Amino acid sequence: MKDSAESLDAEIERERLERVEDLASEDGAEWASHAMPGTFGCHELLDRTMIAFNLVEEMIVSHPACVQNREWYALAHRAFKALEILYERVGEVHLSNDADEPDSQDEDESD
């Protein structure tokens, strides 16, 4: 099970790095500066995360077809909780006075 989790994590990171490359090629080397904690771009992510969080809870988790099925409900609830955690983590960094720099892996990609 650990190998499959590590494999999934590696695949997710590959996908993220592809998106980093796409953004850099579309918007230039300064693409990340518009989305750093404390910027409008980061605030926009926070807002969109709350919208998605509310939408998943109101339209999916509480939907009768979802509630009647244990597996579907568990999956929907995990999505709901993941969005809640994302909102809290983005908010902590975005609203703090000492916002962290992007991952060092992002910086490596610009070489």
C-alpha atoms as a PDB file:
ATOM      1  CA  MET A   1       0.000   0.000   0.000  1.00  0.00           C
ATOM      2  CA  LYS A   2       2.877   2.370   0.776  1.00  0.00           C
ATOM      3  CA  ASP A   3       4.293   1.934  -2.738  1.00  0.00           C
ATOM      4  CA  SER A   4       0.955   2.836  -4.346  1.00  0.00           C
ATOM      5  CA  ALA A   5       0.639   5.924  -2.120  1.00  0.00           C
ATOM      6  CA  GLU A   6       4.174   6.983  -3.012  1.00  0.00           C
ATOM      7  CA  SER A   7       3.417   6.332  -6.672  1.00  0.00           C
ATOM      8  CA  LEU A   8       0.288   8.488  -6.460  1.00  0.00           C
ATOM      9  CA  ASP A   9       2.217  11.246  -4.683  1.00  0.00           C
ATOM     10  CA  ALA A  10       4.884  11.122  -7.400  1.00  0.00           C
ATOM     11  CA  GLU A  11       2.229  11.313 -10.122  1.00  0.00           C
ATOM     12  CA  ILE A  12       0.551  14.265  -8.429  1.00  0.00           C
ATOM     13  CA  GLU A  13       3.896  16.072  -8.163  1.00  0.00           C
ATOM     14  CA  ARG A  14       4.647  15.385 -11.838  1.00  0.00           C
ATOM     15  CA  GLU A  15       1.288  16.872 -12.763  1.00  0.00           C
ATOM     16  CA  ARG A  16       1.946  19.938 -10.575  1.00  0.00           C
ATOM     17  CA  LEU A  17       5.332  20.479 -12.174  1.00  0.00           C
ATOM     18  CA  GLU A  18       3.774  20.220 -15.643  1.00  0.00           C
ATOM     19  CA  ARG A  19       1.349  22.951 -14.616  1.00  0.00           C
ATOM     20  CA  VAL A  20       4.272  25.052 -13.360  1.00  0.00           C
ATOM     21  CA  GLU A  21       5.904  24.699 -16.789  1.00  0.00           C
ATOM     22  CA  ASP A  22       2.637  25.553 -18.565  1.00  0.00           C
ATOM     23  CA  LEU A  23       2.118  28.671 -16.463  1.00  0.00           C
ATOM     24  CA  ALA A  24       5.713  29.777 -16.986  1.00  0.00           C
ATOM     25  CA  SER A  25       5.435  29.333 -20.743  1.00  0.00           C
ATOM     26  CA  GLU A  26       2.074  31.134 -20.893  1.00  0.00           C
ATOM     27  CA  ASP A  27       2.678  33.954 -18.412  1.00  0.00           C
ATOM     28  CA  GLY A  28       6.462  34.269 -18.176  1.00  0.00           C
ATOM     29  CA  ALA A  29       8.937  33.757 -15.382  1.00  0.00           C
ATOM     30  CA  GLU A  30       7.043  36.027 -12.981  1.00  0.00           C
ATOM     31  CA  TRP A  31       3.819  33.986 -13.115  1.00  0.00           C
ATOM     32  CA  ALA A  32       4.043  32.930  -9.453  1.00  0.00           C
ATOM     33  CA  SER A  33       4.469  36.475  -8.124  1.00  0.00           C
ATOM     34  CA  HIS A  34       0.801  37.178  -8.891  1.00  0.00           C
ATOM     35  CA  ALA A  35      -0.329  34.251  -6.741  1.00  0.00           C
ATOM     36  CA  MET A  36       1.944  34.569  -3.726  1.00  0.00           C
ATOM     37  CA  PRO A  37       0.385  34.713  -0.256  1.00  0.00           C
ATOM     38  CA  GLY A  38      -0.837  38.231   0.413  1.00  0.00           C
ATOM     39  CA  THR A  39      -1.694  38.907  -3.247  1.00  0.00           C
ATOM     40  CA  PHE A  40      -5.073  39.143  -4.923  1.00  0.00           C
ATOM     41  CA  GLY A  41      -4.309  35.855  -6.718  1.00  0.00           C
ATOM     42  CA  CYS A  42      -3.923  34.009  -3.434  1.00  0.00           C
ATOM     43  CA  HIS A  43      -7.054  35.671  -2.060  1.00  0.00           C
ATOM     44  CA  GLU A  44      -8.863  34.522  -5.200  1.00  0.00           C
ATOM     45  CA  LEU A  45      -7.789  30.928  -4.495  1.00  0.00           C
ATOM     46  CA  LEU A  46      -9.070  31.265  -0.934  1.00  0.00           C
ATOM     47  CA  ASP A  47     -12.417  32.539  -2.216  1.00  0.00           C
ATOM     48  CA  ARG A  48     -12.729  29.837  -4.880  1.00  0.00           C
ATOM     49  CA  THR A  49     -11.882  27.161  -2.331  1.00  0.00           C
ATOM     50  CA  MET A  50     -14.695  28.377  -0.066  1.00  0.00           C
ATOM     51  CA  ILE A  51     -17.112  28.382  -3.011  1.00  0.00           C
ATOM     52  CA  ALA A  52     -16.142  24.805  -3.907  1.00  0.00           C
ATOM     53  CA  PHE A  53     -16.316  23.763  -0.242  1.00  0.00           C
ATOM     54  CA  ASN A  54     -19.854  25.127   0.075  1.00  0.00           C
ATOM     55  CA  LEU A  55     -20.908  23.683  -3.268  1.00  0.00           C
ATOM     56  CA  VAL A  56     -19.671  20.183  -2.410  1.00  0.00           C
ATOM     57  CA  GLU A  57     -21.436  20.271   0.953  1.00  0.00           C
ATOM     58  CA  GLU A  58     -24.721  21.731  -0.296  1.00  0.00           C
ATOM     59  CA  MET A  59     -25.019  19.945  -3.643  1.00  0.00           C
ATOM     60  CA  ILE A  60     -23.204  16.630  -3.166  1.00  0.00           C
ATOM     61  CA  VAL A  61     -22.678  15.598   0.470  1.00  0.00           C
ATOM     62  CA  SER A  62     -26.277  16.396   1.380  1.00  0.00           C
ATOM     63  CA  HIS A  63     -27.804  15.023  -1.844  1.00  0.00           C
ATOM     64  CA  PRO A  64     -30.173  12.105  -1.092  1.00  0.00           C
ATOM     65  CA  ALA A  65     -28.525   9.861  -3.698  1.00  0.00           C
ATOM     66  CA  CYS A  66     -25.181  10.445  -2.003  1.00  0.00           C
ATOM     67  CA  VAL A  67     -26.524  10.042   1.521  1.00  0.00           C
ATOM     68  CA  GLN A  68     -28.147   6.690   0.706  1.00  0.00           C
ATOM     69  CA  ASN A  69     -24.867   5.141  -0.458  1.00  0.00           C
ATOM     70  CA  ARG A  70     -22.141   4.601   2.129  1.00  0.00           C
ATOM     71  CA  GLU A  71     -19.244   4.585  -0.370  1.00  0.00           C
ATOM     72  CA  TRP A  72     -20.413   7.667  -2.271  1.00  0.00           C
ATOM     73  CA  TYR A  73     -21.034   9.544   0.950  1.00  0.00           C
ATOM     74  CA  ALA A  74     -17.568   8.680   2.252  1.00  0.00           C
ATOM     75  CA  LEU A  75     -15.945   9.868  -0.993  1.00  0.00           C
ATOM     76  CA  ALA A  76     -17.979  13.087  -1.036  1.00  0.00           C
ATOM     77  CA  HIS A  77     -17.182  13.719   2.620  1.00  0.00           C
ATOM     78  CA  ARG A  78     -13.444  13.238   1.962  1.00  0.00           C
ATOM     79  CA  ALA A  79     -13.636  15.824  -0.846  1.00  0.00           C
ATOM     80  CA  PHE A  80     -15.489  18.184   1.491  1.00  0.00           C
ATOM     81  CA  LYS A  81     -12.887  17.722   4.254  1.00  0.00           C
ATOM     82  CA  ALA A  82      -9.989  18.112   1.795  1.00  0.00           C
ATOM     83  CA  LEU A  83     -11.391  21.461   0.657  1.00  0.00           C
ATOM     84  CA  GLU A  84     -11.851  22.523   4.282  1.00  0.00           C
ATOM     85  CA  ILE A  85      -8.215  21.677   5.044  1.00  0.00           C
ATOM     86  CA  LEU A  86      -7.029  23.461   1.886  1.00  0.00           C
ATOM     87  CA  TYR A  87      -9.022  26.572   2.844  1.00  0.00           C
ATOM     88  CA  GLU A  88      -7.515  26.594   6.334  1.00  0.00           C
ATOM     89  CA  ARG A  89      -3.941  26.098   5.115  1.00  0.00           C
ATOM     90  CA  VAL A  90      -4.149  28.716   2.362  1.00  0.00           C
ATOM     91  CA  GLY A  91      -5.807  31.128   4.778  1.00  0.00           C
ATOM     92  CA  GLU A  92      -3.155  30.645   7.450  1.00  0.00           C
ATOM     93  CA  VAL A  93      -0.358  31.532   5.047  1.00  0.00           C
ATOM     94  CA  HIS A  94      -2.224  34.167   3.038  1.00  0.00           C
ATOM     95  CA  LEU A  95      -3.388  36.090   6.078  1.00  0.00           C
ATOM     96  CA  SER A  96      -0.159  35.825   8.061  1.00  0.00           C
ATOM     97  CA  ASN A  97       2.365  38.633   8.103  1.00  0.00           C
ATOM     98  CA  ASP A  98       5.266  36.270   7.446  1.00  0.00           C
ATOM     99  CA  ALA A  99       4.026  34.401   4.362  1.00  0.00           C
ATOM    100  CA  ASP A 100       6.367  31.665   3.199  1.00  0.00           C
ATOM    101  CA  GLU A 101       8.142  31.630  -0.132  1.00  0.00           C
ATOM    102  CA  PRO A 102       7.048  29.094  -2.784  1.00  0.00           C
ATOM    103  CA  ASP A 103       8.360  25.547  -2.558  1.00  0.00           C
ATOM    104  CA  SER A 104      12.043  25.238  -3.386  1.00  0.00           C
ATOM    105  CA  GLN A 105      10.998  22.785  -6.094  1.00  0.00           C
ATOM    106  CA  ASP A 106       9.252  25.658  -7.880  1.00  0.00           C
ATOM    107  CA  GLU A 107      12.468  27.622  -7.843  1.00  0.00           C
ATOM    108  CA  ASP A 108      14.362  24.657  -9.296  1.00  0.00           C
ATOM    109  CA  GLU A 109      11.958  24.582 -12.228  1.00  0.00           C
ATOM    110  CA  SER A 110      12.926  28.088 -13.339  1.00  0.00           C
ATOM    111  CA  ASP A 111      16.580  27.113 -13.924  1.00  0.00           C
END
